[in-house]
N, C-alpha and C. Protein backbone atom coordinates (compact mmCIF):
# COMPACT_ATOMS: atom_id res chain seq x y z
N MET A 1 0.82 -1.04 -0.15
CA MET A 1 0.01 0.16 -0.02
C MET A 1 0.77 1.23 0.06
N THR A 2 0.49 2.35 -0.86
CA THR A 2 1.42 3.67 -0.97
C THR A 2 0.33 4.49 -0.36
N THR A 3 0.82 5.39 0.65
CA THR A 3 0.36 6.44 1.18
C THR A 3 0.49 7.59 0.50
N VAL A 4 -0.35 8.84 0.01
CA VAL A 4 0.49 9.79 -0.37
C VAL A 4 -0.30 10.88 0.37
N LEU A 5 0.82 11.88 0.57
CA LEU A 5 0.60 13.35 1.38
C LEU A 5 0.32 14.22 0.64
N LEU A 6 -0.36 15.23 0.92
CA LEU A 6 -0.37 16.37 0.15
C LEU A 6 -0.09 17.67 0.95
N ASN A 7 0.23 18.45 0.40
CA ASN A 7 0.77 19.75 1.38
C ASN A 7 -0.76 20.79 1.28
N PRO A 8 -1.09 20.41 2.39
CA PRO A 8 -2.32 21.49 2.46
C PRO A 8 -2.52 22.90 1.93
N ASP A 9 -1.35 23.74 1.86
CA ASP A 9 -1.44 25.10 1.28
C ASP A 9 -1.84 24.92 -0.07
N THR A 10 -1.39 23.95 -0.92
CA THR A 10 -2.07 23.68 -2.28
C THR A 10 -3.46 23.11 -2.50
N ILE A 11 -4.06 22.94 -1.33
CA ILE A 11 -5.60 22.82 -1.53
C ILE A 11 -6.24 23.65 -1.20
N SER A 12 -7.48 24.23 -2.15
CA SER A 12 -8.07 25.19 -1.86
C SER A 12 -9.16 25.01 -0.73
N THR A 13 -9.68 26.10 0.07
CA THR A 13 -10.54 26.17 0.91
C THR A 13 -11.88 25.26 0.71
N ASN A 14 -12.07 25.16 -0.51
CA ASN A 14 -13.34 24.32 -0.74
C ASN A 14 -13.40 22.89 -0.33
N LYS A 15 -14.50 22.76 0.18
CA LYS A 15 -14.86 21.08 0.99
C LYS A 15 -14.67 19.98 0.03
N THR A 16 -14.80 20.31 -1.24
CA THR A 16 -14.84 19.16 -2.13
C THR A 16 -13.49 19.05 -3.01
N LEU A 17 -12.73 18.08 -2.67
CA LEU A 17 -11.25 17.62 -3.31
C LEU A 17 -11.67 16.49 -4.49
N ASN A 18 -11.09 16.76 -5.65
CA ASN A 18 -11.14 15.97 -6.72
C ASN A 18 -9.74 15.43 -7.12
N LEU A 19 -9.25 14.20 -6.64
CA LEU A 19 -7.87 13.82 -6.94
C LEU A 19 -7.97 12.74 -8.18
N GLN A 20 -6.95 13.07 -9.01
CA GLN A 20 -6.80 12.05 -10.13
C GLN A 20 -5.41 12.03 -10.26
N PHE A 21 -5.01 10.46 -10.41
CA PHE A 21 -3.39 10.33 -10.28
C PHE A 21 -2.95 9.57 -11.49
N ASN A 22 -1.83 10.00 -12.21
CA ASN A 22 -1.44 9.48 -13.21
C ASN A 22 0.35 9.49 -13.06
N LEU A 23 0.65 8.96 -12.21
CA LEU A 23 2.08 9.07 -11.86
C LEU A 23 2.79 8.21 -12.77
N THR A 24 4.34 8.88 -12.82
CA THR A 24 5.35 7.67 -13.45
C THR A 24 6.37 8.04 -12.21
N LEU A 25 6.80 6.92 -12.10
CA LEU A 25 7.97 6.83 -10.90
C LEU A 25 9.18 6.16 -11.31
N THR A 26 10.32 6.85 -11.32
CA THR A 26 11.58 6.12 -11.52
C THR A 26 11.97 5.26 -10.42
N LEU A 27 11.55 5.45 -9.30
CA LEU A 27 11.87 4.65 -8.11
C LEU A 27 10.84 4.16 -7.29
N THR A 28 10.71 2.80 -7.00
CA THR A 28 9.67 2.41 -6.33
C THR A 28 9.57 2.42 -4.76
N ALA A 29 8.77 2.19 -3.87
CA ALA A 29 8.87 2.35 -2.23
C ALA A 29 9.90 1.55 -2.08
N GLU A 30 9.93 0.41 -2.43
CA GLU A 30 10.99 -0.50 -1.96
C GLU A 30 12.33 -0.39 -2.43
N GLU A 31 12.74 0.53 -3.50
CA GLU A 31 13.92 0.72 -4.08
C GLU A 31 14.25 2.05 -2.91
N ALA A 32 13.37 2.73 -2.84
CA ALA A 32 13.66 3.63 -1.95
C ALA A 32 14.28 3.68 -0.44
N ARG A 33 13.38 2.63 0.04
CA ARG A 33 13.84 1.95 1.20
C ARG A 33 15.50 1.54 1.16
N ARG A 34 15.39 0.49 0.19
CA ARG A 34 16.83 -0.23 0.10
C ARG A 34 17.95 0.77 0.10
N LEU A 35 17.51 1.93 -0.52
CA LEU A 35 18.60 3.11 -1.12
C LEU A 35 18.93 3.66 0.07
N VAL A 36 18.00 4.04 1.30
CA VAL A 36 18.36 4.81 2.25
C VAL A 36 19.21 3.66 3.20
N ASN A 37 18.69 2.23 3.34
CA ASN A 37 19.65 1.33 3.98
C ASN A 37 20.97 0.99 3.72
N ARG A 38 21.20 1.42 2.25
CA ARG A 38 22.43 1.20 1.94
C ARG A 38 23.22 2.62 1.99
N GLN A 39 22.94 3.54 1.79
CA GLN A 39 23.48 4.75 1.81
C GLN A 39 23.54 5.62 2.84
N VAL A 40 22.38 5.42 3.58
CA VAL A 40 22.53 6.58 4.69
C VAL A 40 22.71 5.92 6.17
N VAL A 41 22.09 4.76 6.16
CA VAL A 41 22.27 3.97 7.59
C VAL A 41 23.53 3.89 7.85
N PRO A 42 24.45 3.37 7.00
CA PRO A 42 25.89 2.89 7.55
C PRO A 42 26.44 4.11 7.72
N GLN A 43 26.15 5.43 7.51
CA GLN A 43 27.10 6.62 7.77
C GLN A 43 26.56 7.33 9.03
N LEU A 44 25.25 6.66 9.32
CA LEU A 44 24.68 7.38 10.67
C LEU A 44 24.72 6.35 11.76
N GLY A 45 25.15 5.20 11.55
CA GLY A 45 25.03 4.16 12.56
C GLY A 45 24.41 2.83 12.79
N THR A 46 24.81 1.85 13.47
CA THR A 46 24.06 0.65 13.37
C THR A 46 23.05 0.87 14.18
N GLY A 47 22.03 -0.27 14.04
CA GLY A 47 20.78 -0.26 14.89
C GLY A 47 19.88 0.66 14.09
N LEU A 48 19.83 1.19 13.02
CA LEU A 48 19.02 2.22 12.36
C LEU A 48 18.48 1.38 11.03
N ILE A 49 17.41 1.17 10.63
CA ILE A 49 16.63 0.65 9.70
C ILE A 49 15.65 1.50 8.84
N ALA A 50 15.91 1.69 7.77
CA ALA A 50 14.68 2.36 7.13
C ALA A 50 13.39 1.35 6.95
N THR A 51 12.26 2.05 7.18
CA THR A 51 10.93 1.45 6.92
C THR A 51 10.39 1.82 5.95
N THR A 52 8.97 1.24 5.91
CA THR A 52 7.85 1.26 4.80
C THR A 52 7.87 3.07 4.37
N PRO A 53 8.24 3.34 3.14
CA PRO A 53 8.04 4.77 2.62
C PRO A 53 6.59 5.17 2.34
N GLU A 54 6.48 6.52 2.37
CA GLU A 54 5.22 7.06 2.12
C GLU A 54 5.50 7.87 0.94
N LEU A 55 4.72 7.89 -0.08
CA LEU A 55 5.06 8.88 -1.27
C LEU A 55 4.22 10.25 -0.76
N LEU A 56 4.95 11.40 -1.01
CA LEU A 56 4.72 12.60 -0.54
C LEU A 56 4.90 13.44 -2.02
N ILE A 57 3.73 14.37 -2.34
CA ILE A 57 3.59 15.31 -3.24
C ILE A 57 3.77 16.86 -2.60
N TRP A 58 4.63 17.22 -2.99
CA TRP A 58 5.28 18.65 -2.38
C TRP A 58 5.86 19.38 -3.31
N ASP A 59 4.91 20.71 -3.50
CA ASP A 59 5.47 21.61 -4.75
C ASP A 59 5.54 21.08 -5.77
N ASN A 60 4.61 20.59 -6.36
CA ASN A 60 4.68 19.91 -7.70
C ASN A 60 5.99 18.64 -7.83
N GLN A 61 6.31 18.13 -6.59
CA GLN A 61 7.52 17.27 -6.95
C GLN A 61 7.21 15.75 -6.18
N LEU A 62 7.64 14.99 -6.66
CA LEU A 62 7.25 13.67 -5.63
C LEU A 62 8.37 13.08 -5.21
N PHE A 63 8.17 12.97 -3.84
CA PHE A 63 9.26 12.19 -3.01
C PHE A 63 8.84 11.00 -2.05
N TRP A 64 9.88 10.26 -1.92
CA TRP A 64 9.54 8.96 -1.08
C TRP A 64 9.96 9.59 0.26
N ARG A 65 9.39 9.57 1.39
CA ARG A 65 9.58 9.79 2.85
C ARG A 65 9.62 8.57 3.37
N VAL A 66 11.06 8.31 3.93
CA VAL A 66 11.33 7.11 4.32
C VAL A 66 11.82 7.05 5.93
N PRO A 67 10.71 6.41 6.69
CA PRO A 67 10.92 6.55 8.17
C PRO A 67 12.21 5.66 8.44
N LEU A 68 12.86 6.45 9.65
CA LEU A 68 14.17 5.59 10.31
C LEU A 68 13.71 5.33 11.41
N LYS A 69 14.19 3.76 12.06
CA LYS A 69 13.79 3.45 13.39
C LYS A 69 14.78 2.95 14.03
N LEU A 70 14.94 2.98 14.97
CA LEU A 70 16.27 2.37 15.83
C LEU A 70 15.91 1.11 16.62
N SER A 71 16.69 0.06 15.93
CA SER A 71 16.12 -1.32 16.54
C SER A 71 17.34 -2.05 16.94
N LEU A 72 17.55 -2.40 18.29
CA LEU A 72 18.49 -3.18 18.58
C LEU A 72 18.40 -4.54 19.28
N PRO A 73 19.35 -5.31 19.18
CA PRO A 73 19.20 -6.36 19.73
C PRO A 73 18.71 -6.51 21.25
N ASN A 74 17.86 -7.53 21.75
CA ASN A 74 17.81 -7.51 23.09
C ASN A 74 16.91 -6.25 23.52
N TRP A 75 16.64 -5.38 22.76
CA TRP A 75 15.46 -3.94 22.78
C TRP A 75 14.35 -4.29 21.82
N SER A 76 14.62 -4.83 20.76
CA SER A 76 13.70 -4.64 19.53
C SER A 76 13.82 -3.23 18.92
N ASP A 77 12.50 -2.82 18.70
CA ASP A 77 12.06 -1.30 17.93
C ASP A 77 12.08 -0.50 19.16
N LEU A 78 12.80 0.46 19.10
CA LEU A 78 12.82 1.62 20.32
C LEU A 78 12.15 2.98 19.90
N GLY A 79 11.70 2.93 18.56
CA GLY A 79 11.00 3.99 17.76
C GLY A 79 11.63 4.64 16.75
N GLN A 80 11.08 5.81 16.27
CA GLN A 80 11.46 6.27 15.05
C GLN A 80 12.16 7.30 15.51
N VAL A 81 13.15 7.72 14.62
CA VAL A 81 14.22 8.78 15.19
C VAL A 81 14.51 9.76 13.92
N GLY A 82 13.54 9.69 12.69
CA GLY A 82 13.65 10.77 11.81
C GLY A 82 13.25 9.99 10.65
N THR A 83 13.08 10.81 9.66
CA THR A 83 12.61 10.38 8.05
C THR A 83 13.79 11.07 7.13
N ILE A 84 13.71 10.07 6.07
CA ILE A 84 14.80 10.89 5.02
C ILE A 84 13.88 10.75 3.73
N MET A 85 14.48 12.18 2.91
CA MET A 85 13.44 12.15 1.90
C MET A 85 14.40 11.65 0.63
N VAL A 86 13.53 10.86 -0.29
CA VAL A 86 14.41 10.83 -1.57
C VAL A 86 13.44 11.18 -2.80
N ASP A 87 14.10 11.64 -3.68
CA ASP A 87 13.30 12.42 -4.80
C ASP A 87 12.90 10.92 -5.46
N ALA A 88 11.38 10.93 -5.89
CA ALA A 88 10.99 9.63 -6.47
C ALA A 88 11.42 9.58 -7.98
N LEU A 89 11.66 10.57 -8.41
CA LEU A 89 12.36 10.39 -9.99
C LEU A 89 13.81 10.67 -10.12
N SER A 90 14.43 11.29 -9.70
CA SER A 90 15.84 10.98 -9.47
C SER A 90 16.64 9.60 -8.79
N GLY A 91 15.88 9.78 -7.52
CA GLY A 91 16.58 8.67 -6.56
C GLY A 91 17.42 9.69 -5.95
N LYS A 92 17.71 11.12 -5.94
CA LYS A 92 18.55 11.43 -4.92
C LYS A 92 18.02 11.67 -3.69
N VAL A 93 18.99 11.00 -2.78
CA VAL A 93 18.72 11.25 -1.20
C VAL A 93 18.80 12.59 -0.65
N LEU A 94 17.85 13.16 0.00
CA LEU A 94 18.09 14.64 0.26
C LEU A 94 18.13 14.62 1.82
N LEU A 95 19.46 14.66 1.90
CA LEU A 95 20.20 14.48 3.33
C LEU A 95 21.19 15.87 3.71
N THR A 96 21.00 16.52 4.78
CA THR A 96 21.83 17.46 5.18
C THR A 96 22.44 17.06 6.44
N HIS A 97 23.48 17.87 6.97
CA HIS A 97 24.22 17.68 7.96
C HIS A 97 23.23 17.81 9.15
N LYS A 98 22.51 19.25 9.16
CA LYS A 98 21.55 19.23 10.28
C LYS A 98 20.52 18.07 10.26
N ILE A 99 19.91 17.30 9.34
CA ILE A 99 19.19 16.18 9.49
C ILE A 99 19.84 15.01 10.27
N GLU A 100 21.33 14.76 9.66
CA GLU A 100 22.00 13.75 10.45
C GLU A 100 21.91 13.79 12.03
N GLU A 101 22.43 15.02 12.20
CA GLU A 101 22.28 15.34 13.57
C GLU A 101 21.35 15.40 14.32
N ARG A 102 20.34 15.60 13.74
CA ARG A 102 19.02 15.37 14.39
C ARG A 102 18.58 14.01 14.71
N ILE A 103 18.58 13.32 13.71
CA ILE A 103 18.46 11.68 13.65
C ILE A 103 19.41 11.10 14.60
N ILE A 104 20.85 11.48 14.74
CA ILE A 104 21.49 10.82 15.67
C ILE A 104 21.17 11.10 17.00
N ASN A 105 20.91 12.35 17.34
CA ASN A 105 20.89 12.98 18.40
C ASN A 105 19.32 12.22 19.32
N HIS A 106 18.51 11.98 18.28
CA HIS A 106 17.43 11.27 18.67
C HIS A 106 17.41 9.88 18.72
N ALA A 107 18.12 9.09 18.20
CA ALA A 107 18.36 7.60 18.29
C ALA A 107 19.34 7.42 19.78
N ARG A 108 20.18 8.27 20.02
CA ARG A 108 20.68 8.46 21.37
C ARG A 108 19.81 8.43 22.68
N TRP A 109 18.95 9.50 22.41
CA TRP A 109 17.97 9.94 23.30
C TRP A 109 17.41 8.67 23.68
N LEU A 110 16.62 8.08 22.40
CA LEU A 110 16.20 6.78 22.69
C LEU A 110 16.79 5.77 23.38
N TYR A 111 18.05 5.31 22.73
CA TYR A 111 19.04 4.25 23.47
C TYR A 111 19.13 4.86 25.02
N GLN A 112 19.27 5.90 25.43
CA GLN A 112 19.59 6.36 26.80
C GLN A 112 18.19 6.01 27.51
N GLY A 113 17.05 6.18 27.20
CA GLY A 113 15.82 6.17 27.55
C GLY A 113 15.55 4.38 28.17
N ALA A 114 15.87 3.87 27.05
CA ALA A 114 15.79 2.42 26.68
C ALA A 114 16.62 1.65 27.87
N THR A 115 17.68 2.30 28.14
CA THR A 115 18.91 1.46 29.11
C THR A 115 18.90 2.02 30.31
N LEU A 116 17.95 2.78 30.85
CA LEU A 116 17.72 3.31 32.39
C LEU A 116 17.52 2.38 33.21
N GLN A 117 17.99 2.18 34.25
CA GLN A 117 17.55 1.07 35.37
C GLN A 117 16.62 1.65 36.01
N THR A 118 15.53 1.00 36.62
CA THR A 118 14.52 1.45 37.45
C THR A 118 14.66 0.73 38.66
N LYS A 119 14.21 1.48 39.58
CA LYS A 119 14.36 1.20 40.89
C LYS A 119 13.40 0.09 41.42
């Protein structure tokens, strides 16, 4: 199943919304997920895994929004740490240093919270 997200600013204030789709994608959702797992995850750290992408239409462009989760042995899935955008036509991964830092910091926060000992 593919989820399509629309920018609310591009939708008129009219209560009727008529959507018709005829999309040609160069990259499938699975290919976008694998691309993030191959290119992004190794540089951000172990324990991160790309999950099911959503198709995003933003400013007349198509992107795959690929969620990243932190999943560690003995802890299972600790939660989502961020998303990576992939251009659905070119396959270009849109990742800035600021996004990398945010993902790494969120992963550290989740890990530290999971490893706290309770009294």
